[in-house]
Amino acid sequence: MAFKITDACVNCGACESDCPVGAISEKDDKRTIDASACVSCGACAASCPAEAIEEE
């Protein structure tokens, strides 16, 4: 199951640098996760200081 970034995101970028497959990108000052590339490892959720990433 892929992860998603909620509205609680503060756009700090911590998750993007921790994603091992590069599934996270920034667009229009928001981070998004490409569900088709996400391998559900949870590294992004573990690194998010705002706890803004959850399983979809």
N, C-alpha and C. Protein backbone atom coordinates (compact mmCIF):
# COMPACT_ATOMS: atom_id res chain seq x y z
N MET A 1 0.84 -1.18 0.00
CA MET A 1 0.00 0.00 0.00
C MET A 1 0.89 1.25 0.00
N ALA A 2 0.60 2.16 -0.87
CA ALA A 2 1.39 3.39 -1.00
C ALA A 2 1.09 4.35 0.14
N PHE A 3 1.96 5.32 0.28
CA PHE A 3 1.79 6.36 1.29
C PHE A 3 1.30 7.63 0.61
N LYS A 4 0.71 8.54 1.39
CA LYS A 4 0.27 9.83 0.87
C LYS A 4 0.65 10.91 1.85
N ILE A 5 0.80 12.11 1.34
CA ILE A 5 1.16 13.27 2.16
C ILE A 5 -0.11 14.07 2.41
N THR A 6 -0.40 14.33 3.67
CA THR A 6 -1.61 15.04 4.04
C THR A 6 -1.39 16.56 4.05
N ASP A 7 -2.46 17.28 4.32
CA ASP A 7 -2.39 18.74 4.38
C ASP A 7 -1.57 19.25 5.56
N ALA A 8 -1.17 18.37 6.47
CA ALA A 8 -0.34 18.77 7.61
C ALA A 8 1.11 19.02 7.20
N CYS A 9 1.45 18.70 5.95
CA CYS A 9 2.81 18.87 5.43
C CYS A 9 3.25 20.33 5.51
N VAL A 10 4.48 20.53 6.00
CA VAL A 10 5.05 21.88 6.08
C VAL A 10 6.09 22.10 4.97
N ASN A 11 6.17 21.17 4.03
CA ASN A 11 7.05 21.27 2.86
C ASN A 11 8.52 21.45 3.23
N CYS A 12 8.98 20.72 4.22
CA CYS A 12 10.38 20.84 4.65
C CYS A 12 11.35 20.05 3.77
N GLY A 13 10.86 19.02 3.09
CA GLY A 13 11.70 18.24 2.19
C GLY A 13 12.39 17.05 2.82
N ALA A 14 12.21 16.82 4.10
CA ALA A 14 12.88 15.70 4.76
C ALA A 14 12.51 14.36 4.12
N CYS A 15 11.26 14.22 3.76
CA CYS A 15 10.79 12.96 3.17
C CYS A 15 11.41 12.70 1.80
N GLU A 16 11.53 13.73 1.00
CA GLU A 16 12.04 13.57 -0.36
C GLU A 16 13.45 13.01 -0.36
N SER A 17 14.28 13.52 0.51
CA SER A 17 15.67 13.05 0.54
C SER A 17 15.80 11.65 1.13
N ASP A 18 14.80 11.20 1.89
CA ASP A 18 14.86 9.87 2.50
C ASP A 18 14.20 8.78 1.65
N CYS A 19 13.49 9.15 0.60
CA CYS A 19 12.82 8.15 -0.24
C CYS A 19 13.84 7.40 -1.09
N PRO A 20 13.95 6.07 -0.91
CA PRO A 20 14.98 5.32 -1.63
C PRO A 20 14.70 5.15 -3.12
N VAL A 21 13.47 5.38 -3.56
CA VAL A 21 13.13 5.19 -4.97
C VAL A 21 12.78 6.50 -5.68
N GLY A 22 12.90 7.63 -4.99
CA GLY A 22 12.65 8.92 -5.61
C GLY A 22 11.19 9.15 -5.97
N ALA A 23 10.28 8.61 -5.18
CA ALA A 23 8.85 8.73 -5.48
C ALA A 23 8.24 10.06 -5.03
N ILE A 24 9.01 10.86 -4.31
CA ILE A 24 8.48 12.12 -3.78
C ILE A 24 9.05 13.29 -4.55
N SER A 25 8.16 14.20 -4.92
CA SER A 25 8.60 15.40 -5.64
C SER A 25 7.82 16.61 -5.14
N GLU A 26 8.29 17.79 -5.53
CA GLU A 26 7.64 19.02 -5.13
C GLU A 26 7.00 19.66 -6.35
N LYS A 27 5.76 20.10 -6.19
CA LYS A 27 5.05 20.80 -7.25
C LYS A 27 4.12 21.81 -6.60
N ASP A 28 4.19 23.05 -7.05
CA ASP A 28 3.34 24.11 -6.51
C ASP A 28 3.47 24.24 -4.99
N ASP A 29 4.71 24.19 -4.50
CA ASP A 29 5.01 24.32 -3.06
C ASP A 29 4.37 23.22 -2.21
N LYS A 30 4.17 22.04 -2.80
CA LYS A 30 3.64 20.90 -2.06
C LYS A 30 4.44 19.67 -2.45
N ARG A 31 4.62 18.78 -1.50
CA ARG A 31 5.27 17.49 -1.78
C ARG A 31 4.18 16.48 -2.12
N THR A 32 4.47 15.63 -3.10
CA THR A 32 3.54 14.57 -3.48
C THR A 32 4.30 13.27 -3.63
N ILE A 33 3.59 12.17 -3.46
CA ILE A 33 4.18 10.84 -3.61
C ILE A 33 3.56 10.18 -4.83
N ASP A 34 4.39 9.71 -5.75
CA ASP A 34 3.93 8.98 -6.91
C ASP A 34 3.59 7.56 -6.45
N ALA A 35 2.31 7.26 -6.35
CA ALA A 35 1.86 5.97 -5.81
C ALA A 35 2.37 4.80 -6.63
N SER A 36 2.56 4.98 -7.93
CA SER A 36 3.03 3.88 -8.76
C SER A 36 4.52 3.59 -8.54
N ALA A 37 5.26 4.56 -8.02
CA ALA A 37 6.69 4.36 -7.75
C ALA A 37 6.95 3.99 -6.29
N CYS A 38 6.03 4.31 -5.40
CA CYS A 38 6.19 4.05 -3.96
C CYS A 38 6.29 2.56 -3.69
N VAL A 39 7.28 2.17 -2.88
CA VAL A 39 7.47 0.76 -2.53
C VAL A 39 6.99 0.46 -1.11
N SER A 40 6.28 1.41 -0.50
CA SER A 40 5.67 1.25 0.82
C SER A 40 6.68 0.89 1.91
N CYS A 41 7.86 1.47 1.85
CA CYS A 41 8.89 1.15 2.84
C CYS A 41 8.69 1.93 4.14
N GLY A 42 8.01 3.08 4.07
CA GLY A 42 7.75 3.87 5.27
C GLY A 42 8.86 4.81 5.67
N ALA A 43 9.93 4.89 4.89
CA ALA A 43 11.05 5.79 5.24
C ALA A 43 10.59 7.23 5.29
N CYS A 44 9.71 7.62 4.40
CA CYS A 44 9.22 9.00 4.37
C CYS A 44 8.42 9.33 5.63
N ALA A 45 7.55 8.43 6.02
CA ALA A 45 6.73 8.66 7.21
C ALA A 45 7.59 8.74 8.46
N ALA A 46 8.61 7.92 8.52
CA ALA A 46 9.50 7.92 9.68
C ALA A 46 10.31 9.21 9.79
N SER A 47 10.59 9.84 8.66
CA SER A 47 11.42 11.05 8.68
C SER A 47 10.62 12.35 8.76
N CYS A 48 9.31 12.27 8.66
CA CYS A 48 8.47 13.48 8.61
C CYS A 48 8.29 14.09 10.00
N PRO A 49 8.82 15.31 10.21
CA PRO A 49 8.70 15.94 11.53
C PRO A 49 7.27 16.41 11.84
N ALA A 50 6.44 16.56 10.80
CA ALA A 50 5.07 17.02 11.00
C ALA A 50 4.08 15.86 11.07
N GLU A 51 4.58 14.63 10.95
CA GLU A 51 3.74 13.44 10.93
C GLU A 51 2.61 13.59 9.90
N ALA A 52 2.99 14.07 8.71
CA ALA A 52 2.02 14.36 7.67
C ALA A 52 1.92 13.28 6.60
N ILE A 53 2.56 12.13 6.83
CA ILE A 53 2.53 11.07 5.83
C ILE A 53 1.88 9.83 6.44
N GLU A 54 0.91 9.29 5.68
CA GLU A 54 0.18 8.12 6.17
C GLU A 54 -0.06 7.15 5.04
N GLU A 55 -0.40 5.92 5.41
CA GLU A 55 -0.70 4.92 4.40
C GLU A 55 -2.00 5.28 3.69
N GLU A 56 -2.01 5.03 2.39
CA GLU A 56 -3.19 5.34 1.60
C GLU A 56 -4.23 4.25 1.73
